[in-house]
Amino acid sequence: MKKSTIFISIIFAILLIIIITDFFIIKSLNKKLDRITILTTLDKKPVLFPARKLEEKTILITPEFVDLYSKYYSPFKDGRTFQELINKYIHNRWQDHYGAPRGTSSMRRIHEGIDLFAPINTPVYPLTDYGIVTEVSDNPHYMVTVGCVRTGGIQDSVKIEYGKTVRILYPEGIESIYTHLNEVNVVLGQEVDRDTQVGLIGRTGNVQRTTKAAHLHMELRDKNNKSFDPRHRLHFNQHSIKFFLDHLDWD
């Protein structure tokens, strides 16, 4: 009977310790929650509310994350601005930019990116400090589907020989595509940063059948896989959500 009483007392003491420990853990977690404010939208207006009111799984992104991973840099990691890249590496202002006409009389398409001419085997890097490789091919004859217009104005698509290719998704939801590479140094699903050498400039793909020199064909695409002019995004790189939050009324 005495042993039974001692055993019950030990169990009771352990439970009491667990309850007291949980109490302080919950109290600490509540204090941390009280320091978190959610910024979202309601009726297209910014709305602030405490984290305690969250009713579903939510990912919180800090201003530091947004400001760091939405800044874009030179694919050659040479410190040049986008305009400086254009001035140095674009050869033909009409043919090497986005939107230049391509195709034949029966099939018209546009140049989906920009061509940056640099020496063969020049290393290329991601455009931001973090990215995920979403497509990669070490095939020098790799085909990519792009939009075109057939005779009579019919919208269609056609496969173009891009050669060795690397596609990278960035936190902003934009993807870059590097093509005509001479060498690919990453694999599908790999996480990359500004120090990751993803490949080397080359002349693979349809460039082999032309007189064009080695260059980086670089595209930017949105979440719908639609290409857009890199000049519409890469020219401006001084945004700051932290600057906005510093002026927001938190009360």
Protein backbone atom coordinates (compact mmCIF):
# COMPACT_ATOMS: atom_id res chain seq x y z
CA MET A 1 0.00 0.00 0.00
CA LYS A 2 2.88 2.31 0.87
CA LYS A 3 4.60 1.62 -2.44
CA SER A 4 1.36 2.34 -4.28
CA THR A 5 1.03 5.70 -2.53
CA ILE A 6 4.61 6.63 -3.44
CA PHE A 7 4.02 5.63 -7.06
CA ILE A 8 0.85 7.75 -7.25
CA SER A 9 2.68 10.70 -5.69
CA ILE A 10 5.47 10.43 -8.29
CA ILE A 11 2.96 10.33 -11.15
CA PHE A 12 1.11 13.30 -9.69
CA ALA A 13 4.37 15.26 -9.36
CA ILE A 14 5.33 14.49 -12.98
CA LEU A 15 1.91 15.60 -14.23
CA LEU A 16 2.14 18.77 -12.17
CA ILE A 17 5.57 19.56 -13.68
CA ILE A 18 4.19 18.95 -17.19
CA ILE A 19 1.20 21.24 -16.56
CA ILE A 20 3.38 24.03 -15.13
CA THR A 21 5.89 23.66 -18.00
CA ASP A 22 3.11 23.74 -20.62
CA PHE A 23 1.64 26.82 -18.95
CA PHE A 24 4.87 28.78 -19.33
CA ILE A 25 5.46 27.48 -22.87
CA ILE A 26 1.96 28.58 -23.94
CA LYS A 27 2.44 31.91 -22.22
CA SER A 28 5.72 32.41 -24.08
CA LEU A 29 4.14 31.43 -27.42
CA ASN A 30 1.24 33.84 -26.85
CA LYS A 31 3.72 36.66 -26.26
CA LYS A 32 5.44 35.80 -29.54
CA LEU A 33 2.10 35.70 -31.34
CA ASP A 34 1.24 39.13 -29.95
CA ARG A 35 4.39 40.48 -31.63
CA ILE A 36 3.23 39.24 -35.05
CA THR A 37 0.92 41.36 -37.19
CA ILE A 38 -0.39 40.07 -40.51
CA LEU A 39 -0.48 42.41 -43.50
CA THR A 40 -2.95 41.28 -46.15
CA THR A 41 -5.66 42.79 -48.35
CA LEU A 42 -9.40 43.25 -48.06
CA ASP A 43 -11.42 44.89 -50.83
CA LYS A 44 -8.11 45.77 -52.52
CA LYS A 45 -6.88 47.71 -49.49
CA PRO A 46 -4.07 46.86 -47.03
CA VAL A 47 -5.38 45.36 -43.78
CA LEU A 48 -3.49 44.64 -40.57
CA PHE A 49 -4.67 42.05 -38.03
CA PRO A 50 -3.07 40.11 -35.16
CA ALA A 51 -1.71 36.60 -35.75
CA ARG A 52 -4.13 35.23 -33.11
CA LYS A 53 -6.97 35.70 -35.62
CA LEU A 54 -5.43 33.36 -38.20
CA GLU A 55 -7.87 30.62 -39.13
CA GLU A 56 -5.90 28.76 -41.78
CA LYS A 57 -2.33 27.77 -42.58
CA THR A 58 -0.40 30.90 -43.49
CA ILE A 59 3.18 31.56 -44.61
CA LEU A 60 4.64 34.79 -43.27
CA ILE A 61 7.25 36.56 -45.40
CA THR A 62 9.44 39.21 -43.82
CA PRO A 63 10.23 42.56 -45.50
CA GLU A 64 13.89 41.50 -45.52
CA PHE A 65 12.98 38.40 -47.55
CA VAL A 66 11.01 40.40 -50.11
CA ASP A 67 13.63 43.13 -50.46
CA LEU A 68 16.52 40.68 -50.82
CA TYR A 69 15.01 38.14 -53.18
CA SER A 70 13.22 40.53 -55.55
CA LYS A 71 16.36 42.42 -56.53
CA TYR A 72 17.83 41.30 -59.85
CA TYR A 73 21.47 41.27 -60.91
CA SER A 74 23.60 40.62 -63.98
CA PRO A 75 23.61 36.96 -65.15
CA PHE A 76 27.39 37.35 -65.57
CA LYS A 77 27.86 38.38 -61.94
CA ASP A 78 29.88 41.38 -63.11
CA GLY A 79 28.05 44.07 -61.13
CA ARG A 80 26.63 45.74 -64.23
CA THR A 81 23.14 47.23 -64.27
CA PHE A 82 20.67 45.96 -66.85
CA GLN A 83 21.22 49.02 -69.03
CA GLU A 84 24.98 48.51 -68.85
CA LEU A 85 24.47 44.88 -69.92
CA ILE A 86 22.49 46.05 -72.95
CA ASN A 87 25.10 48.65 -73.86
CA LYS A 88 27.97 46.16 -73.61
CA TYR A 89 26.56 42.85 -74.82
CA ILE A 90 23.79 43.63 -77.33
CA HIS A 91 25.17 43.60 -80.90
CA ASN A 92 22.15 44.52 -83.01
CA ARG A 93 19.63 46.90 -81.44
CA TRP A 94 16.90 45.64 -83.78
CA GLN A 95 17.47 41.86 -83.82
CA ASP A 96 18.85 41.05 -80.37
CA HIS A 97 16.11 42.63 -78.25
CA TYR A 98 12.80 41.14 -77.15
CA GLY A 99 10.04 41.22 -79.78
CA ALA A 100 12.26 41.20 -82.87
CA PRO A 101 10.51 39.38 -85.74
CA ARG A 102 11.41 35.74 -86.39
CA GLY A 103 10.04 32.95 -88.56
CA THR A 104 8.96 32.60 -92.19
CA SER A 105 6.24 33.96 -94.45
CA SER A 106 3.88 31.18 -93.31
CA MET A 107 4.86 31.18 -89.63
CA ARG A 108 5.64 34.39 -87.77
CA ARG A 109 6.88 34.58 -84.21
CA ILE A 110 8.89 36.96 -82.05
CA HIS A 111 12.24 36.81 -80.34
CA GLU A 112 11.16 35.74 -76.83
CA GLY A 113 14.18 37.17 -75.00
CA ILE A 114 17.37 39.16 -75.43
CA ASP A 115 20.75 38.04 -76.79
CA LEU A 116 23.79 39.01 -74.73
CA PHE A 117 26.98 38.36 -76.68
CA ALA A 118 29.95 37.32 -74.55
CA PRO A 119 32.94 34.99 -75.10
CA ILE A 120 32.21 31.29 -75.30
CA ASN A 121 32.33 29.49 -71.93
CA THR A 122 31.59 32.69 -69.99
CA PRO A 123 29.94 31.53 -66.72
CA VAL A 124 26.30 32.50 -66.11
CA TYR A 125 24.56 32.82 -62.74
CA PRO A 126 21.00 33.22 -61.36
CA LEU A 127 19.45 36.70 -61.47
CA THR A 128 18.65 36.84 -57.73
CA ASP A 129 20.09 35.54 -54.46
CA TYR A 130 17.79 32.50 -54.48
CA GLY A 131 16.11 30.33 -57.07
CA ILE A 132 14.95 26.81 -57.92
CA VAL A 133 15.87 25.04 -61.16
CA THR A 134 12.53 24.16 -62.77
CA GLU A 135 13.76 22.95 -66.16
CA VAL A 136 17.14 21.80 -67.39
CA SER A 137 18.47 20.03 -70.47
CA ASP A 138 21.98 19.01 -71.44
CA ASN A 139 20.73 18.15 -74.93
CA PRO A 140 22.35 20.43 -77.57
CA HIS A 141 19.20 20.02 -79.70
CA TYR A 142 16.63 20.55 -76.93
CA MET A 143 13.30 21.93 -78.22
CA VAL A 144 11.15 24.54 -76.47
CA THR A 145 7.56 25.39 -77.43
CA VAL A 146 6.87 29.06 -78.22
CA GLY A 147 3.88 30.92 -79.64
CA CYS A 148 3.54 31.83 -83.31
CA VAL A 149 1.04 33.13 -85.86
CA ARG A 150 0.24 31.04 -88.95
CA THR A 151 -1.05 32.27 -92.30
CA GLY A 152 -4.44 33.90 -91.88
CA GLY A 153 -3.68 35.13 -88.37
CA ILE A 154 -4.17 31.74 -86.74
CA GLN A 155 -2.59 31.58 -83.27
CA ASP A 156 -0.47 28.48 -82.86
CA SER A 157 2.74 27.21 -81.31
CA VAL A 158 5.98 25.86 -82.69
CA LYS A 159 9.00 24.05 -81.28
CA ILE A 160 12.29 25.94 -81.48
CA GLU A 161 15.71 24.36 -80.97
CA TYR A 162 17.06 26.19 -77.92
CA GLY A 163 19.90 23.77 -77.20
CA LYS A 164 21.27 23.29 -73.70
CA THR A 165 18.88 25.10 -71.38
CA VAL A 166 18.45 26.08 -67.73
CA ARG A 167 15.23 27.53 -66.31
CA ILE A 168 15.15 29.10 -62.83
CA LEU A 169 12.16 30.17 -60.72
CA TYR A 170 12.71 33.16 -58.40
CA PRO A 171 10.73 34.08 -55.23
CA GLU A 172 8.89 36.87 -57.06
CA GLY A 173 7.28 34.23 -59.29
CA ILE A 174 9.33 35.13 -62.36
CA GLU A 175 11.38 32.54 -64.25
CA SER A 176 14.50 33.12 -66.32
CA ILE A 177 15.48 30.84 -69.19
CA TYR A 178 19.11 30.61 -70.32
CA THR A 179 19.60 28.87 -73.67
CA HIS A 180 22.28 27.99 -76.27
CA LEU A 181 24.55 27.02 -73.38
CA ASN A 182 27.78 25.14 -73.99
CA GLU A 183 27.64 23.45 -70.60
CA VAL A 184 24.98 22.92 -67.90
CA ASN A 185 26.12 22.67 -64.27
CA VAL A 186 22.84 22.23 -62.34
CA VAL A 187 20.13 19.60 -62.01
CA LEU A 188 16.34 19.74 -61.87
CA GLY A 189 15.02 20.91 -58.50
CA GLN A 190 18.37 22.27 -57.32
CA GLU A 191 18.32 25.36 -55.11
CA VAL A 192 20.70 28.01 -56.44
CA ASP A 193 22.02 31.40 -55.36
CA ARG A 194 24.18 34.19 -56.77
CA ASP A 195 27.31 32.09 -56.35
CA THR A 196 25.94 29.10 -58.29
CA GLN A 197 27.48 28.79 -61.74
CA VAL A 198 24.51 27.33 -63.62
CA GLY A 199 26.23 26.97 -66.98
CA LEU A 200 28.58 28.32 -69.64
CA ILE A 201 27.75 30.42 -72.71
CA GLY A 202 27.82 28.50 -76.00
CA ARG A 203 26.34 28.02 -79.46
CA THR A 204 24.05 25.01 -79.05
CA GLY A 205 20.58 24.77 -80.57
CA ASN A 206 19.57 26.55 -83.77
CA VAL A 207 22.49 29.00 -83.42
CA GLN A 208 24.77 26.27 -84.80
CA ARG A 209 23.15 26.73 -88.21
CA THR A 210 23.81 30.48 -88.29
CA THR A 211 26.81 32.79 -88.30
CA LYS A 212 25.91 34.25 -84.91
CA ALA A 213 28.63 34.21 -82.28
CA ALA A 214 28.33 32.59 -78.88
CA HIS A 215 25.80 34.40 -76.68
CA LEU A 216 23.35 34.03 -73.82
CA HIS A 217 19.73 33.99 -74.94
CA MET A 218 17.88 35.10 -71.80
CA GLU A 219 14.11 35.09 -71.38
CA LEU A 220 11.84 36.15 -68.54
CA ARG A 221 8.48 34.39 -68.17
CA ASP A 222 5.49 34.84 -65.87
CA LYS A 223 3.45 32.23 -63.98
CA ASN A 224 1.47 31.49 -67.17
CA ASN A 225 4.71 30.74 -69.07
CA LYS A 226 4.25 33.89 -71.13
CA SER A 227 7.45 35.70 -72.02
CA PHE A 228 7.78 39.45 -71.52
CA ASP A 229 10.36 42.12 -72.29
CA PRO A 230 13.11 41.99 -69.63
CA ARG A 231 13.34 45.78 -69.92
CA HIS A 232 9.90 45.96 -68.25
CA ARG A 233 11.28 44.44 -65.05
CA LEU A 234 15.05 44.59 -64.86
CA HIS A 235 15.54 48.32 -65.38
CA PHE A 236 14.21 49.18 -61.91
CA ASN A 237 15.88 47.64 -58.90
CA GLN A 238 15.44 50.13 -56.05
CA HIS A 239 12.12 48.98 -54.59
CA SER A 240 11.77 48.54 -50.82
CA ILE A 241 8.77 47.12 -48.97
CA LYS A 242 10.51 48.02 -45.71
CA PHE A 243 10.38 51.68 -46.72
CA PHE A 244 6.61 51.28 -47.20
CA LEU A 245 6.11 49.49 -43.87
CA ASP A 246 8.03 52.22 -42.03
CA HIS A 247 5.27 54.63 -43.09
CA LEU A 248 2.33 52.34 -42.36
CA ASP A 249 0.08 53.13 -39.39
CA TRP A 250 0.35 50.09 -37.12
CA ASP A 251 -2.06 51.35 -34.45
